[in-house]
């Protein structure tokens, strides 16, 4: 008999759900630097057992969001402006390369599907359906990433994108307008087989999104404690 896998698929999914839940708490500013997460409290809030909660928190420790302190729980390490900038900068490099490769590799059928996603995204924005246009924007990027025929590079990019909750993108002022501006131009570059144009546009698109997210988070005062002026006032 073959040995059973170490983790079942449902439990893996639960631990990922916990990681997403905790990331959102941190990125939104509901949990601040040096606050603590306790396994029992998260398990109760999510109505799940403590095992996937611990696994999810350990995943976030690997990502640098939290740190386990014995007998106290998982302390929030925090996310700095530079952290957010670096995440988007790295995403932009990888996504730009994937877009350049997709411009050379995508078939006529793939391009037709990409054009359809652009049109559906515009229609969803016009209807005011936030959940739908957020989903379609994600599918647009996913189609390009898969169309590059570079699965390992796409996996690396996927690992980075998980570090910032998807729900923020539909909330950020200017982000939806940015997608409406960039997606048709990225599609046109891919269709024209212009890899360098696709690379440049994708990088600009992601970096502008990063700047918008930083501005949004500054508006939430999540870095207030790191402001030298605030430290002087508190002193």
Protein backbone atom coordinates (compact mmCIF):
# COMPACT_ATOMS: atom_id res chain seq x y z
CA UNK A 1 0.00 0.00 0.00
CA UNK A 2 1.30 3.47 -0.90
CA UNK A 3 1.75 5.87 2.02
CA UNK A 4 -0.95 8.48 2.44
CA UNK A 5 -0.02 12.05 1.41
CA UNK A 6 1.12 14.27 4.24
CA UNK A 7 -1.73 16.74 3.73
CA UNK A 8 -5.12 16.28 2.16
CA UNK A 9 -6.26 18.72 -0.54
CA UNK A 10 -9.08 20.18 1.61
CA UNK A 11 -6.70 20.92 4.49
CA UNK A 12 -4.16 22.51 2.14
CA UNK A 13 -6.95 24.73 0.86
CA UNK A 14 -7.97 25.64 4.41
CA UNK A 15 -4.42 26.65 5.30
CA UNK A 16 -4.30 28.84 2.18
CA UNK A 17 -7.64 30.37 3.20
CA UNK A 18 -6.19 31.15 6.62
CA UNK A 19 -3.14 32.75 5.03
CA UNK A 20 -5.39 34.92 2.83
CA UNK A 21 -7.54 35.90 5.82
CA UNK A 22 -4.52 36.91 7.91
CA UNK A 23 -2.79 38.74 5.03
CA UNK A 24 -5.94 40.80 4.54
CA UNK A 25 -6.04 41.66 8.24
CA UNK A 26 -2.44 42.91 8.01
CA UNK A 27 -2.61 44.71 4.67
CA UNK A 28 -5.88 46.44 5.59
CA UNK A 29 -4.35 47.75 8.80
CA UNK A 30 -6.79 45.95 11.10
CA UNK A 31 -3.74 44.24 12.59
CA UNK A 32 -0.68 46.43 13.06
CA UNK A 33 3.00 45.80 13.53
CA UNK A 34 3.71 43.95 16.82
CA UNK A 35 0.05 42.90 17.26
CA UNK A 36 -0.47 39.19 17.86
CA UNK A 37 -2.54 36.52 16.10
CA UNK A 38 -3.60 33.60 18.24
CA UNK A 39 -4.54 30.28 16.73
CA UNK A 40 -7.65 29.77 18.84
CA UNK A 41 -9.10 33.18 17.95
CA UNK A 42 -8.63 32.65 14.20
CA UNK A 43 -10.04 29.12 14.39
CA UNK A 44 -13.14 30.48 16.12
CA UNK A 45 -13.55 33.36 13.67
CA UNK A 46 -13.22 31.06 10.64
CA UNK A 47 -15.08 28.15 12.28
CA UNK A 48 -12.34 25.65 11.52
CA UNK A 49 -9.93 23.50 13.54
CA UNK A 50 -6.63 24.79 14.87
CA UNK A 51 -4.41 22.62 12.63
CA UNK A 52 -4.97 24.47 9.31
CA UNK A 53 -4.78 27.77 11.20
CA UNK A 54 -1.31 26.94 12.46
CA UNK A 55 -0.28 25.75 8.98
CA UNK A 56 -1.56 28.98 7.42
CA UNK A 57 0.30 31.12 9.93
CA UNK A 58 3.49 29.16 9.34
CA UNK A 59 3.11 29.86 5.62
CA UNK A 60 2.92 33.55 6.42
CA UNK A 61 5.99 33.28 8.61
CA UNK A 62 7.88 32.00 5.56
CA UNK A 63 6.61 35.03 3.63
CA UNK A 64 7.77 37.38 6.39
CA UNK A 65 4.35 38.67 7.47
CA UNK A 66 4.39 37.15 10.99
CA UNK A 67 6.85 35.61 13.43
CA UNK A 68 6.09 32.86 15.95
CA UNK A 69 6.95 33.82 19.50
CA UNK A 70 6.67 30.91 21.98
CA UNK A 71 3.80 31.15 24.47
CA UNK A 72 2.61 34.42 22.91
CA UNK A 73 1.43 33.60 19.41
CA UNK A 74 2.30 34.92 15.98
CA UNK A 75 3.50 38.53 16.05
CA UNK A 76 2.82 40.78 13.06
CA UNK A 77 6.10 41.79 11.45
CA UNK A 78 4.33 44.32 9.26
CA UNK A 79 4.58 45.40 5.64
CA UNK A 80 6.50 48.55 4.77
CA UNK A 81 6.06 50.85 1.79
CA UNK A 82 9.29 49.41 0.41
CA UNK A 83 7.93 45.87 0.82
CA UNK A 84 4.85 46.71 -1.26
CA UNK A 85 6.96 48.50 -3.87
CA UNK A 86 9.36 45.55 -4.08
CA UNK A 87 6.52 43.05 -4.48
CA UNK A 88 5.09 45.01 -7.41
CA UNK A 89 8.53 45.68 -8.91
CA UNK A 90 9.26 41.96 -8.95
CA UNK A 91 5.80 41.15 -10.27
CA UNK A 92 6.27 43.70 -13.03
CA UNK A 93 9.57 42.14 -14.15
CA UNK A 94 8.11 38.63 -14.27
CA UNK A 95 4.77 39.66 -15.78
CA UNK A 96 6.54 41.78 -18.39
CA UNK A 97 8.69 38.84 -19.45
CA UNK A 98 5.63 36.58 -19.63
CA UNK A 99 3.78 39.15 -21.74
CA UNK A 100 6.75 39.39 -24.12
CA UNK A 101 6.82 35.61 -24.47
CA UNK A 102 3.03 35.44 -24.86
CA UNK A 103 3.25 37.88 -27.78
CA UNK A 104 5.37 35.31 -29.58
CA UNK A 105 3.62 32.14 -28.39
CA UNK A 106 -0.13 32.80 -28.26
CA UNK A 107 -2.19 31.28 -31.05
CA UNK A 108 -4.86 33.08 -33.06
CA UNK A 109 -7.47 31.33 -30.90
CA UNK A 110 -5.69 32.46 -27.71
CA UNK A 111 -5.68 36.05 -28.96
CA UNK A 112 -9.38 35.85 -29.77
CA UNK A 113 -10.07 34.68 -26.21
CA UNK A 114 -7.94 37.53 -24.86
CA UNK A 115 -9.90 40.05 -26.93
CA UNK A 116 -13.14 38.57 -25.59
CA UNK A 117 -11.91 38.99 -22.01
CA UNK A 118 -11.07 42.65 -22.69
CA UNK A 119 -14.60 43.25 -24.01
CA UNK A 120 -16.22 41.39 -21.11
CA UNK A 121 -14.15 43.37 -18.62
CA UNK A 122 -15.27 46.69 -20.13
CA UNK A 123 -18.91 45.55 -20.02
CA UNK A 124 -18.62 44.46 -16.38
CA UNK A 125 -17.15 47.84 -15.40
CA UNK A 126 -19.98 49.63 -17.21
CA UNK A 127 -22.50 47.50 -15.27
CA UNK A 128 -20.78 48.41 -12.02
CA UNK A 129 -20.21 44.76 -11.12
CA UNK A 130 -17.07 44.96 -8.95
CA UNK A 131 -16.77 41.23 -8.29
CA UNK A 132 -17.19 40.45 -12.00
CA UNK A 133 -14.75 43.02 -13.37
CA UNK A 134 -12.17 42.03 -10.73
CA UNK A 135 -12.54 38.39 -11.79
CA UNK A 136 -12.25 39.24 -15.49
CA UNK A 137 -9.18 41.41 -14.92
CA UNK A 138 -7.58 38.43 -13.15
CA UNK A 139 -8.53 36.13 -16.06
CA UNK A 140 -6.96 38.54 -18.55
CA UNK A 141 -3.62 38.40 -16.75
CA UNK A 142 -3.91 34.65 -16.24
CA UNK A 143 -4.52 34.11 -19.98
CA UNK A 144 -1.34 36.00 -20.83
CA UNK A 145 0.71 34.23 -18.16
CA UNK A 146 -0.42 30.79 -19.36
CA UNK A 147 -0.12 31.82 -22.99
CA UNK A 148 3.61 32.43 -22.53
CA UNK A 149 4.19 28.65 -22.29
CA UNK A 150 6.58 29.24 -19.39
CA UNK A 151 4.89 27.40 -16.49
CA UNK A 152 7.67 27.77 -13.93
CA UNK A 153 7.88 31.51 -14.49
CA UNK A 154 4.09 31.74 -14.18
CA UNK A 155 4.20 29.79 -10.90
CA UNK A 156 6.82 32.19 -9.52
CA UNK A 157 4.60 35.13 -10.42
CA UNK A 158 1.58 33.41 -8.88
CA UNK A 159 3.46 33.00 -5.61
CA UNK A 160 4.09 36.75 -5.49
CA UNK A 161 0.54 37.77 -6.38
CA UNK A 162 -0.81 35.76 -3.44
CA UNK A 163 0.99 38.10 -1.07
CA UNK A 164 -1.51 40.89 -1.75
CA UNK A 165 -5.26 40.16 -1.40
CA UNK A 166 -7.18 40.30 -4.69
CA UNK A 167 -10.12 42.17 -3.17
CA UNK A 168 -8.05 45.36 -2.78
CA UNK A 169 -7.68 45.85 -6.52
CA UNK A 170 -11.35 46.62 -7.12
CA UNK A 171 -11.38 49.07 -4.20
CA UNK A 172 -8.38 51.21 -5.14
CA UNK A 173 -9.28 54.48 -6.79
CA UNK A 174 -7.78 54.55 -10.29
CA UNK A 175 -7.02 50.82 -10.45
CA UNK A 176 -10.11 49.98 -12.53
CA UNK A 177 -9.45 52.92 -14.86
CA UNK A 178 -5.85 51.74 -15.17
CA UNK A 179 -6.99 48.28 -16.27
CA UNK A 180 -9.39 49.78 -18.81
CA UNK A 181 -6.52 51.83 -20.19
CA UNK A 182 -3.78 49.18 -20.21
CA UNK A 183 -5.56 45.92 -21.03
CA UNK A 184 -6.61 46.89 -24.59
CA UNK A 185 -3.11 48.21 -25.33
CA UNK A 186 -1.45 45.09 -23.94
CA UNK A 187 -3.80 42.96 -26.02
CA UNK A 188 -2.98 45.00 -29.15
CA UNK A 189 0.76 44.49 -28.56
CA UNK A 190 0.28 40.74 -28.06
CA UNK A 191 -1.87 40.47 -31.19
CA UNK A 192 0.75 42.43 -33.18
CA UNK A 193 3.46 40.02 -31.89
CA UNK A 194 5.32 43.01 -30.46
CA UNK A 195 7.00 41.44 -27.45
CA UNK A 196 8.89 44.53 -26.28
CA UNK A 197 5.76 46.70 -26.38
CA UNK A 198 3.84 44.04 -24.44
CA UNK A 199 6.65 43.85 -21.87
CA UNK A 200 6.80 47.63 -21.37
CA UNK A 201 3.05 48.09 -21.11
CA UNK A 202 2.66 45.22 -18.64
CA UNK A 203 5.44 46.58 -16.45
CA UNK A 204 3.94 50.07 -16.49
CA UNK A 205 0.50 48.62 -15.68
CA UNK A 206 1.70 46.70 -12.63
CA UNK A 207 3.95 49.45 -11.29
CA UNK A 208 1.15 52.01 -11.55
CA UNK A 209 -1.06 49.55 -9.66
CA UNK A 210 1.59 49.31 -6.95
CA UNK A 211 1.72 53.09 -6.62
CA UNK A 212 -2.07 53.20 -6.26
CA UNK A 213 -2.04 50.51 -3.59
CA UNK A 214 0.67 52.34 -1.63
CA UNK A 215 -1.41 55.54 -1.81
CA UNK A 216 -4.49 53.61 -0.65
CA UNK A 217 -2.64 52.07 2.29
CA UNK A 218 -1.21 55.45 3.27
CA UNK A 219 -4.80 56.68 3.40
CA UNK A 220 -5.56 53.88 5.86
CA UNK A 221 -2.71 55.11 8.13
CA UNK A 222 -1.17 51.65 8.35
CA UNK A 223 2.33 53.17 8.41
CA UNK A 224 1.49 55.88 10.92
CA UNK A 225 3.69 54.30 13.60
CA UNK A 226 6.66 54.34 11.20
CA UNK A 227 6.34 58.09 10.52
CA UNK A 228 9.29 59.90 12.24
CA UNK A 229 7.04 62.90 12.94
CA UNK A 230 4.53 60.68 14.73
CA UNK A 231 7.30 59.12 16.83
CA UNK A 232 8.39 62.60 17.94
CA UNK A 233 4.82 63.48 18.91
CA UNK A 234 4.42 60.23 20.86
CA UNK A 235 7.75 60.82 22.62
